[in-house]
Amino acid sequence: MVETNGTAVVIPEQSNVREPFRPPASTDKVRETIWRSLSGIVSESLYQAGNFVELAEDYDRDKGTAVRYGHLVDATECLEIAMTHLGQLKSAVSYRLRIEDEQNIGAAGF
């Protein structure tokens, strides 16, 4: 145990200078990347589903029922992918809103 003999102990001020090789880290960047990725998957999946429906409806009408059905199966798969990722995006946003609400309530003193 260190004795101070009744004198004040001075703690050196911590500098805000970053260590030269210390990497910066940010959970906000991770959340933004998740948002962009999931949004991109949903948008692209919906776009491609529309293209498959258009192929079945207009372009490959004369190629037979099996080809048209195949396009509709592909459109359904794209829509399922979109719905899965939209659900994940909804969950991520819901979680973030809940965290922000808890922080705001705590800051307001309720």
N, C-alpha and C. Protein backbone atom coordinates (compact mmCIF):
# COMPACT_ATOMS: atom_id res chain seq x y z
N MET A 1 0.84 -1.17 0.00
CA MET A 1 0.00 0.00 0.00
C MET A 1 0.89 1.23 0.00
N VAL A 2 0.60 2.20 -0.81
CA VAL A 2 1.41 3.40 -0.94
C VAL A 2 0.90 4.47 0.02
N GLU A 3 1.82 5.07 0.75
CA GLU A 3 1.47 6.15 1.68
C GLU A 3 1.63 7.47 0.96
N THR A 4 0.70 8.40 1.17
CA THR A 4 0.80 9.72 0.55
C THR A 4 1.16 10.78 1.56
N ASN A 5 1.28 10.41 2.83
CA ASN A 5 1.63 11.35 3.89
C ASN A 5 0.75 12.58 3.92
N GLY A 6 -0.52 12.40 3.58
CA GLY A 6 -1.45 13.52 3.65
C GLY A 6 -1.37 14.47 2.48
N THR A 7 -0.53 14.22 1.50
CA THR A 7 -0.46 15.11 0.35
C THR A 7 -1.38 14.62 -0.75
N ALA A 8 -1.82 15.53 -1.57
CA ALA A 8 -2.72 15.19 -2.67
C ALA A 8 -1.97 14.38 -3.71
N VAL A 9 -2.67 13.42 -4.25
CA VAL A 9 -2.09 12.60 -5.31
C VAL A 9 -2.52 13.20 -6.63
N VAL A 10 -1.56 13.47 -7.48
CA VAL A 10 -1.85 14.05 -8.79
C VAL A 10 -1.82 12.94 -9.83
N ILE A 11 -2.94 12.81 -10.51
CA ILE A 11 -3.03 11.82 -11.59
C ILE A 11 -2.77 12.56 -12.89
N PRO A 12 -1.79 12.10 -13.67
CA PRO A 12 -1.49 12.80 -14.91
C PRO A 12 -2.69 12.78 -15.85
N GLU A 13 -2.89 13.87 -16.54
CA GLU A 13 -4.02 14.00 -17.47
C GLU A 13 -3.81 13.06 -18.65
N GLN A 14 -4.88 12.37 -18.99
CA GLN A 14 -4.80 11.46 -20.12
C GLN A 14 -4.87 12.26 -21.41
N SER A 15 -3.99 11.96 -22.32
CA SER A 15 -4.02 12.69 -23.58
C SER A 15 -5.01 12.02 -24.53
N ASN A 16 -5.57 12.80 -25.39
CA ASN A 16 -6.50 12.28 -26.39
C ASN A 16 -5.79 11.91 -27.68
N VAL A 17 -4.47 11.91 -27.63
CA VAL A 17 -3.70 11.56 -28.81
C VAL A 17 -3.79 10.06 -29.01
N ARG A 18 -4.11 9.69 -30.19
CA ARG A 18 -4.27 8.29 -30.52
C ARG A 18 -2.91 7.65 -30.74
N GLU A 19 -2.78 6.42 -30.30
CA GLU A 19 -1.55 5.70 -30.54
C GLU A 19 -1.40 5.51 -32.05
N PRO A 20 -0.18 5.58 -32.57
CA PRO A 20 -0.01 5.57 -34.03
C PRO A 20 -0.57 4.33 -34.73
N PHE A 21 -0.53 3.17 -34.10
CA PHE A 21 -0.97 1.96 -34.78
C PHE A 21 -2.25 1.39 -34.18
N ARG A 22 -2.90 2.16 -33.33
CA ARG A 22 -4.14 1.71 -32.70
C ARG A 22 -5.29 1.94 -33.66
N PRO A 23 -5.98 0.87 -34.06
CA PRO A 23 -7.06 1.04 -35.04
C PRO A 23 -8.30 1.66 -34.39
N PRO A 24 -8.99 2.53 -35.12
CA PRO A 24 -10.25 3.06 -34.60
C PRO A 24 -11.33 1.98 -34.73
N ALA A 25 -12.28 1.99 -33.83
CA ALA A 25 -13.36 1.01 -33.88
C ALA A 25 -14.69 1.74 -33.70
N SER A 26 -15.71 1.28 -34.43
CA SER A 26 -17.00 1.96 -34.36
C SER A 26 -18.13 0.97 -34.57
N THR A 27 -19.01 0.85 -33.59
CA THR A 27 -20.20 0.02 -33.78
C THR A 27 -21.20 0.70 -34.71
N ASP A 28 -21.14 2.03 -34.79
CA ASP A 28 -22.03 2.75 -35.71
C ASP A 28 -21.73 2.36 -37.16
N LYS A 29 -20.46 2.18 -37.49
CA LYS A 29 -20.11 1.77 -38.85
C LYS A 29 -20.62 0.37 -39.15
N VAL A 30 -20.59 -0.49 -38.15
CA VAL A 30 -21.11 -1.85 -38.33
C VAL A 30 -22.61 -1.80 -38.58
N ARG A 31 -23.32 -1.02 -37.77
CA ARG A 31 -24.78 -0.90 -37.95
C ARG A 31 -25.12 -0.32 -39.32
N GLU A 32 -24.38 0.67 -39.75
CA GLU A 32 -24.63 1.28 -41.07
C GLU A 32 -24.37 0.27 -42.19
N THR A 33 -23.34 -0.53 -42.04
CA THR A 33 -23.03 -1.55 -43.05
C THR A 33 -24.14 -2.60 -43.11
N ILE A 34 -24.63 -3.01 -41.95
CA ILE A 34 -25.75 -3.96 -41.91
C ILE A 34 -26.97 -3.36 -42.60
N TRP A 35 -27.27 -2.11 -42.28
CA TRP A 35 -28.43 -1.44 -42.88
C TRP A 35 -28.30 -1.40 -44.40
N ARG A 36 -27.13 -0.96 -44.89
CA ARG A 36 -26.93 -0.87 -46.34
C ARG A 36 -27.01 -2.24 -47.00
N SER A 37 -26.40 -3.23 -46.38
CA SER A 37 -26.38 -4.58 -46.96
C SER A 37 -27.78 -5.17 -47.05
N LEU A 38 -28.51 -5.13 -45.94
CA LEU A 38 -29.85 -5.70 -45.94
C LEU A 38 -30.78 -4.94 -46.88
N SER A 39 -30.67 -3.62 -46.89
CA SER A 39 -31.49 -2.81 -47.80
C SER A 39 -31.18 -3.14 -49.25
N GLY A 40 -29.91 -3.31 -49.55
CA GLY A 40 -29.51 -3.64 -50.92
C GLY A 40 -30.04 -5.00 -51.35
N ILE A 41 -29.99 -5.97 -50.45
CA ILE A 41 -30.50 -7.30 -50.77
C ILE A 41 -32.00 -7.25 -51.03
N VAL A 42 -32.73 -6.54 -50.18
CA VAL A 42 -34.18 -6.42 -50.35
C VAL A 42 -34.50 -5.75 -51.68
N SER A 43 -33.84 -4.64 -51.97
CA SER A 43 -34.12 -3.90 -53.21
C SER A 43 -33.80 -4.74 -54.44
N GLU A 44 -32.64 -5.36 -54.45
CA GLU A 44 -32.25 -6.16 -55.62
C GLU A 44 -33.15 -7.37 -55.79
N SER A 45 -33.53 -8.01 -54.69
CA SER A 45 -34.41 -9.18 -54.78
C SER A 45 -35.77 -8.81 -55.36
N LEU A 46 -36.31 -7.68 -54.92
CA LEU A 46 -37.60 -7.24 -55.45
C LEU A 46 -37.50 -6.89 -56.94
N TYR A 47 -36.41 -6.23 -57.29
CA TYR A 47 -36.21 -5.86 -58.70
C TYR A 47 -36.13 -7.11 -59.58
N GLN A 48 -35.35 -8.09 -59.14
CA GLN A 48 -35.19 -9.31 -59.93
C GLN A 48 -36.48 -10.11 -59.98
N ALA A 49 -37.25 -10.11 -58.89
CA ALA A 49 -38.54 -10.79 -58.91
C ALA A 49 -39.45 -10.17 -59.96
N GLY A 50 -39.45 -8.85 -60.03
CA GLY A 50 -40.23 -8.17 -61.06
C GLY A 50 -39.79 -8.54 -62.46
N ASN A 51 -38.48 -8.68 -62.65
CA ASN A 51 -37.97 -9.09 -63.96
C ASN A 51 -38.43 -10.49 -64.33
N PHE A 52 -38.41 -11.41 -63.36
CA PHE A 52 -38.87 -12.77 -63.64
C PHE A 52 -40.36 -12.81 -63.98
N VAL A 53 -41.15 -12.02 -63.28
CA VAL A 53 -42.58 -11.97 -63.60
C VAL A 53 -42.79 -11.41 -65.00
N GLU A 54 -42.02 -10.39 -65.34
CA GLU A 54 -42.13 -9.81 -66.68
C GLU A 54 -41.72 -10.82 -67.75
N LEU A 55 -40.68 -11.60 -67.48
CA LEU A 55 -40.29 -12.65 -68.43
C LEU A 55 -41.42 -13.65 -68.62
N ALA A 56 -42.05 -14.06 -67.53
CA ALA A 56 -43.14 -15.04 -67.62
C ALA A 56 -44.35 -14.46 -68.31
N GLU A 57 -44.61 -13.18 -68.09
CA GLU A 57 -45.83 -12.57 -68.61
C GLU A 57 -45.70 -12.14 -70.07
N ASP A 58 -44.57 -11.56 -70.43
CA ASP A 58 -44.45 -10.95 -71.76
C ASP A 58 -43.48 -11.66 -72.70
N TYR A 59 -42.26 -11.86 -72.26
CA TYR A 59 -41.21 -12.28 -73.18
C TYR A 59 -41.23 -13.76 -73.52
N ASP A 60 -41.54 -14.59 -72.56
CA ASP A 60 -41.48 -16.03 -72.81
C ASP A 60 -42.86 -16.67 -72.83
N ARG A 61 -43.84 -15.91 -73.24
CA ARG A 61 -45.22 -16.40 -73.28
C ARG A 61 -45.37 -17.58 -74.24
N ASP A 62 -44.63 -17.56 -75.33
CA ASP A 62 -44.76 -18.60 -76.36
C ASP A 62 -43.85 -19.80 -76.11
N LYS A 63 -43.07 -19.79 -75.07
CA LYS A 63 -42.11 -20.87 -74.84
C LYS A 63 -42.69 -22.02 -74.03
N GLY A 64 -43.91 -21.92 -73.66
CA GLY A 64 -44.55 -23.03 -72.95
C GLY A 64 -44.74 -22.76 -71.48
N THR A 65 -45.61 -23.57 -70.92
CA THR A 65 -45.98 -23.40 -69.52
C THR A 65 -44.82 -23.69 -68.58
N ALA A 66 -44.00 -24.66 -68.90
CA ALA A 66 -42.90 -25.03 -68.00
C ALA A 66 -41.90 -23.89 -67.85
N VAL A 67 -41.59 -23.21 -68.94
CA VAL A 67 -40.64 -22.10 -68.88
C VAL A 67 -41.25 -20.96 -68.07
N ARG A 68 -42.51 -20.65 -68.33
CA ARG A 68 -43.16 -19.57 -67.60
C ARG A 68 -43.25 -19.91 -66.11
N TYR A 69 -43.58 -21.17 -65.82
CA TYR A 69 -43.65 -21.60 -64.42
C TYR A 69 -42.29 -21.46 -63.75
N GLY A 70 -41.22 -21.80 -64.47
CA GLY A 70 -39.87 -21.66 -63.94
C GLY A 70 -39.55 -20.22 -63.57
N HIS A 71 -39.97 -19.29 -64.40
CA HIS A 71 -39.76 -17.87 -64.09
C HIS A 71 -40.52 -17.46 -62.82
N LEU A 72 -41.73 -17.98 -62.67
CA LEU A 72 -42.52 -17.65 -61.48
C LEU A 72 -41.91 -18.26 -60.22
N VAL A 73 -41.32 -19.45 -60.35
CA VAL A 73 -40.62 -20.06 -59.21
C VAL A 73 -39.42 -19.20 -58.83
N ASP A 74 -38.68 -18.72 -59.84
CA ASP A 74 -37.54 -17.84 -59.56
C ASP A 74 -37.99 -16.54 -58.90
N ALA A 75 -39.11 -15.99 -59.37
CA ALA A 75 -39.64 -14.77 -58.77
C ALA A 75 -40.03 -15.01 -57.31
N THR A 76 -40.64 -16.15 -57.05
CA THR A 76 -41.02 -16.50 -55.68
C THR A 76 -39.79 -16.62 -54.78
N GLU A 77 -38.74 -17.23 -55.30
CA GLU A 77 -37.50 -17.37 -54.52
C GLU A 77 -36.92 -16.00 -54.19
N CYS A 78 -36.93 -15.10 -55.18
CA CYS A 78 -36.43 -13.74 -54.94
C CYS A 78 -37.26 -13.02 -53.88
N LEU A 79 -38.57 -13.20 -53.94
CA LEU A 79 -39.44 -12.57 -52.95
C LEU A 79 -39.23 -13.15 -51.55
N GLU A 80 -38.98 -14.46 -51.48
CA GLU A 80 -38.69 -15.07 -50.18
C GLU A 80 -37.39 -14.52 -49.59
N ILE A 81 -36.39 -14.34 -50.44
CA ILE A 81 -35.13 -13.75 -49.99
C ILE A 81 -35.36 -12.33 -49.50
N ALA A 82 -36.15 -11.58 -50.25
CA ALA A 82 -36.45 -10.20 -49.85
C ALA A 82 -37.16 -10.17 -48.51
N MET A 83 -38.15 -11.02 -48.32
CA MET A 83 -38.91 -11.02 -47.08
C MET A 83 -38.04 -11.44 -45.89
N THR A 84 -37.16 -12.41 -46.10
CA THR A 84 -36.26 -12.84 -45.02
C THR A 84 -35.37 -11.69 -44.58
N HIS A 85 -34.77 -11.01 -45.54
CA HIS A 85 -33.85 -9.93 -45.21
C HIS A 85 -34.59 -8.68 -44.73
N LEU A 86 -35.80 -8.48 -45.21
CA LEU A 86 -36.60 -7.37 -44.70
C LEU A 86 -36.96 -7.61 -43.23
N GLY A 87 -37.24 -8.85 -42.88
CA GLY A 87 -37.50 -9.18 -41.48
C GLY A 87 -36.28 -8.95 -40.60
N GLN A 88 -35.10 -9.29 -41.12
CA GLN A 88 -33.86 -9.05 -40.37
C GLN A 88 -33.63 -7.55 -40.21
N LEU A 89 -33.89 -6.80 -41.27
CA LEU A 89 -33.73 -5.35 -41.21
C LEU A 89 -34.70 -4.74 -40.20
N LYS A 90 -35.93 -5.22 -40.21
CA LYS A 90 -36.94 -4.74 -39.27
C LYS A 90 -36.51 -5.03 -37.83
N SER A 91 -35.98 -6.22 -37.59
CA SER A 91 -35.51 -6.58 -36.25
C SER A 91 -34.35 -5.69 -35.81
N ALA A 92 -33.43 -5.42 -36.73
CA ALA A 92 -32.28 -4.57 -36.39
C ALA A 92 -32.72 -3.15 -36.05
N VAL A 93 -33.65 -2.62 -36.83
CA VAL A 93 -34.14 -1.26 -36.57
C VAL A 93 -34.94 -1.23 -35.27
N SER A 94 -35.76 -2.25 -35.04
CA SER A 94 -36.55 -2.32 -33.81
C SER A 94 -35.63 -2.36 -32.59
N TYR A 95 -34.58 -3.16 -32.67
CA TYR A 95 -33.62 -3.24 -31.56
C TYR A 95 -32.95 -1.89 -31.32
N ARG A 96 -32.55 -1.24 -32.40
CA ARG A 96 -31.88 0.05 -32.26
C ARG A 96 -32.82 1.09 -31.66
N LEU A 97 -34.08 1.10 -32.08
CA LEU A 97 -35.06 2.03 -31.52
C LEU A 97 -35.28 1.78 -30.03
N ARG A 98 -35.31 0.50 -29.65
CA ARG A 98 -35.49 0.17 -28.25
C ARG A 98 -34.30 0.67 -27.42
N ILE A 99 -33.10 0.49 -27.92
CA ILE A 99 -31.90 0.96 -27.22
C ILE A 99 -31.92 2.49 -27.10
N GLU A 100 -32.27 3.18 -28.19
CA GLU A 100 -32.32 4.65 -28.16
C GLU A 100 -33.40 5.14 -27.20
N ASP A 101 -34.54 4.46 -27.16
CA ASP A 101 -35.59 4.83 -26.22
C ASP A 101 -35.12 4.69 -24.78
N GLU A 102 -34.44 3.58 -24.48
CA GLU A 102 -33.93 3.37 -23.13
C GLU A 102 -32.92 4.45 -22.76
N GLN A 103 -32.08 4.83 -23.71
CA GLN A 103 -31.10 5.88 -23.45
C GLN A 103 -31.78 7.22 -23.22
N ASN A 104 -32.79 7.52 -24.03
CA ASN A 104 -33.50 8.80 -23.89
C ASN A 104 -34.29 8.87 -22.58
N ILE A 105 -34.91 7.76 -22.20
CA ILE A 105 -35.66 7.74 -20.94
C ILE A 105 -34.70 7.90 -19.78
N GLY A 106 -33.55 7.23 -19.84
CA GLY A 106 -32.55 7.36 -18.78
C GLY A 106 -31.98 8.76 -18.69
N ALA A 107 -31.79 9.41 -19.83
CA ALA A 107 -31.25 10.78 -19.84
C ALA A 107 -32.27 11.78 -19.32
N ALA A 108 -33.56 11.50 -19.54
CA ALA A 108 -34.61 12.43 -19.09
C ALA A 108 -34.93 12.24 -17.62
N GLY A 109 -34.45 11.15 -17.04
CA GLY A 109 -34.67 10.92 -15.62
C GLY A 109 -36.01 10.30 -15.27
N PHE A 110 -36.64 9.64 -16.24
CA PHE A 110 -37.93 9.00 -15.96
C PHE A 110 -37.73 7.65 -15.34
